[in-house]
Every structure is written in C-alpha cells, then in structure tokens.
Amino acid sequence: MALVQSLVEGKEDVIAFREIDVSRDLASADRYRIQVTPTVIILDATGKEVETFVGIPDEEDVSGAIDEAVSP
C-alpha cells in the first residue's frame, strides 16, 4: 500500500513494511485475523499489535500509530 510505504520511507532502521497477499499466505491471514482487504496492522518491535486499520486508512492515523510503534 503506497500510503504506508511513503510513511515508512526514511525510517527503515526502526520499522519494516511487509505486504501480505492473503490469497497466497493463508497462515499470515489467520495469524493476524485478516478478513477484509486492505488491512493495515502496525506492530511494535516486540510484535505487539499497536493498531489495526480495516479498509483504506487515514494518513494521519497511520502516521500516529507508526510513531507510537517506534517510540521507546
């Protein structure tokens, strides 16, 4: 998703972007309970879910969740 990729750009040292094709990766779809696409899940460094957005997310909301995920 271009929105998330643009927000992660320049922060690759503290955050990673991963796009999952749930039609091909059913294990990840089950693991993250993805039932609708697009779904954006922000995880912190420990793998704890910070925020989940179902549908097309708002840039400000995603940016805030990314900031929360990378904050010490």
C-alpha atoms as a PDB file:
ATOM      1  CA  MET A   1       0.000   0.000   0.000  1.00  0.00           C
ATOM      2  CA  ALA A   2       1.613   3.200  -1.203  1.00  0.00           C
ATOM      3  CA  LEU A   3       0.406   5.301   1.740  1.00  0.00           C
ATOM      4  CA  VAL A   4       2.120   3.107   4.320  1.00  0.00           C
ATOM      5  CA  GLN A   5       5.252   2.726   2.205  1.00  0.00           C
ATOM      6  CA  SER A   6       5.596   6.502   1.976  1.00  0.00           C
ATOM      7  CA  LEU A   7       5.199   6.899   5.749  1.00  0.00           C
ATOM      8  CA  VAL A   8       7.832   4.221   6.446  1.00  0.00           C
ATOM      9  CA  GLU A   9      10.286   5.722   3.970  1.00  0.00           C
ATOM     10  CA  GLY A  10      13.351   7.009   5.785  1.00  0.00           C
ATOM     11  CA  LYS A  11      12.517   5.030   8.932  1.00  0.00           C
ATOM     12  CA  GLU A  12      13.713   1.649   7.685  1.00  0.00           C
ATOM     13  CA  ASP A  13      16.196   1.421  10.556  1.00  0.00           C
ATOM     14  CA  VAL A  14      13.323   1.279  13.081  1.00  0.00           C
ATOM     15  CA  ILE A  15      10.340  -0.066  11.132  1.00  0.00           C
ATOM     16  CA  ALA A  16       9.689  -2.554   8.359  1.00  0.00           C
ATOM     17  CA  PHE A  17       6.929  -2.659   5.766  1.00  0.00           C
ATOM     18  CA  ARG A  18       5.515  -6.012   4.738  1.00  0.00           C
ATOM     19  CA  GLU A  19       2.689  -6.534   2.286  1.00  0.00           C
ATOM     20  CA  ILE A  20       0.848  -9.854   2.532  1.00  0.00           C
ATOM     21  CA  ASP A  21      -1.145 -11.409  -0.301  1.00  0.00           C
ATOM     22  CA  VAL A  22      -3.727 -13.164   1.875  1.00  0.00           C
ATOM     23  CA  SER A  23      -4.912 -15.287  -1.026  1.00  0.00           C
ATOM     24  CA  ARG A  24      -1.439 -16.874  -1.135  1.00  0.00           C
ATOM     25  CA  ASP A  25      -0.389 -16.603   2.508  1.00  0.00           C
ATOM     26  CA  LEU A  26      -3.293 -18.045   4.474  1.00  0.00           C
ATOM     27  CA  ALA A  27      -1.137 -18.639   7.554  1.00  0.00           C
ATOM     28  CA  SER A  28      -0.422 -14.921   7.903  1.00  0.00           C
ATOM     29  CA  ALA A  29      -4.059 -14.084   7.211  1.00  0.00           C
ATOM     30  CA  ASP A  30      -5.052 -16.396  10.069  1.00  0.00           C
ATOM     31  CA  ARG A  31      -2.280 -15.191  12.373  1.00  0.00           C
ATOM     32  CA  TYR A  32      -3.275 -11.544  12.005  1.00  0.00           C
ATOM     33  CA  ARG A  33      -7.026 -12.286  11.690  1.00  0.00           C
ATOM     34  CA  ILE A  34      -7.269 -10.541   8.303  1.00  0.00           C
ATOM     35  CA  GLN A  35     -10.766 -10.904   6.887  1.00  0.00           C
ATOM     36  CA  VAL A  36     -11.030  -7.773   4.737  1.00  0.00           C
ATOM     37  CA  THR A  37      -8.551  -6.142   2.392  1.00  0.00           C
ATOM     38  CA  PRO A  38      -6.936  -3.791   2.683  1.00  0.00           C
ATOM     39  CA  THR A  39      -5.996  -4.260   6.326  1.00  0.00           C
ATOM     40  CA  VAL A  40      -3.036  -2.385   7.805  1.00  0.00           C
ATOM     41  CA  ILE A  41      -1.582  -3.682  11.057  1.00  0.00           C
ATOM     42  CA  ILE A  42       1.049  -1.687  12.931  1.00  0.00           C
ATOM     43  CA  LEU A  43       3.238  -3.779  15.243  1.00  0.00           C
ATOM     44  CA  ASP A  44       5.889  -2.600  17.680  1.00  0.00           C
ATOM     45  CA  ALA A  45       9.394  -4.082  17.867  1.00  0.00           C
ATOM     46  CA  THR A  46       8.176  -6.923  20.103  1.00  0.00           C
ATOM     47  CA  GLY A  47       5.436  -7.886  17.644  1.00  0.00           C
ATOM     48  CA  LYS A  48       2.651  -6.434  19.807  1.00  0.00           C
ATOM     49  CA  GLU A  49      -0.220  -5.010  17.811  1.00  0.00           C
ATOM     50  CA  VAL A  50      -0.364  -1.215  18.199  1.00  0.00           C
ATOM     51  CA  GLU A  51      -3.214  -0.510  15.792  1.00  0.00           C
ATOM     52  CA  THR A  52      -5.258  -2.207  13.069  1.00  0.00           C
ATOM     53  CA  PHE A  53      -6.926  -0.363  10.226  1.00  0.00           C
ATOM     54  CA  VAL A  54      -9.543  -2.146   8.116  1.00  0.00           C
ATOM     55  CA  GLY A  55     -10.172  -0.508   4.775  1.00  0.00           C
ATOM     56  CA  ILE A  56      -8.226   2.434   3.422  1.00  0.00           C
ATOM     57  CA  PRO A  57      -6.690   4.148   6.439  1.00  0.00           C
ATOM     58  CA  ASP A  58      -6.312   7.854   7.098  1.00  0.00           C
ATOM     59  CA  GLU A  59      -2.720   9.064   6.675  1.00  0.00           C
ATOM     60  CA  GLU A  60      -2.699  10.929   9.999  1.00  0.00           C
ATOM     61  CA  ASP A  61      -3.943   7.867  11.907  1.00  0.00           C
ATOM     62  CA  VAL A  62      -1.344   5.566  10.340  1.00  0.00           C
ATOM     63  CA  SER A  63       1.424   8.082  10.955  1.00  0.00           C
ATOM     64  CA  GLY A  64       0.426   8.333  14.619  1.00  0.00           C
ATOM     65  CA  ALA A  65       0.373   4.551  15.006  1.00  0.00           C
ATOM     66  CA  ILE A  66       3.813   4.249  13.382  1.00  0.00           C
ATOM     67  CA  ASP A  67       5.171   6.902  15.739  1.00  0.00           C
ATOM     68  CA  GLU A  68       3.684   5.029  18.710  1.00  0.00           C
ATOM     69  CA  ALA A  69       5.180   1.730  17.497  1.00  0.00           C
ATOM     70  CA  VAL A  70       8.703   3.121  17.219  1.00  0.00           C
ATOM     71  CA  SER A  71       8.630   5.186  20.415  1.00  0.00           C
ATOM     72  CA  PRO A  72      10.770   3.773  23.230  1.00  0.00           C
END
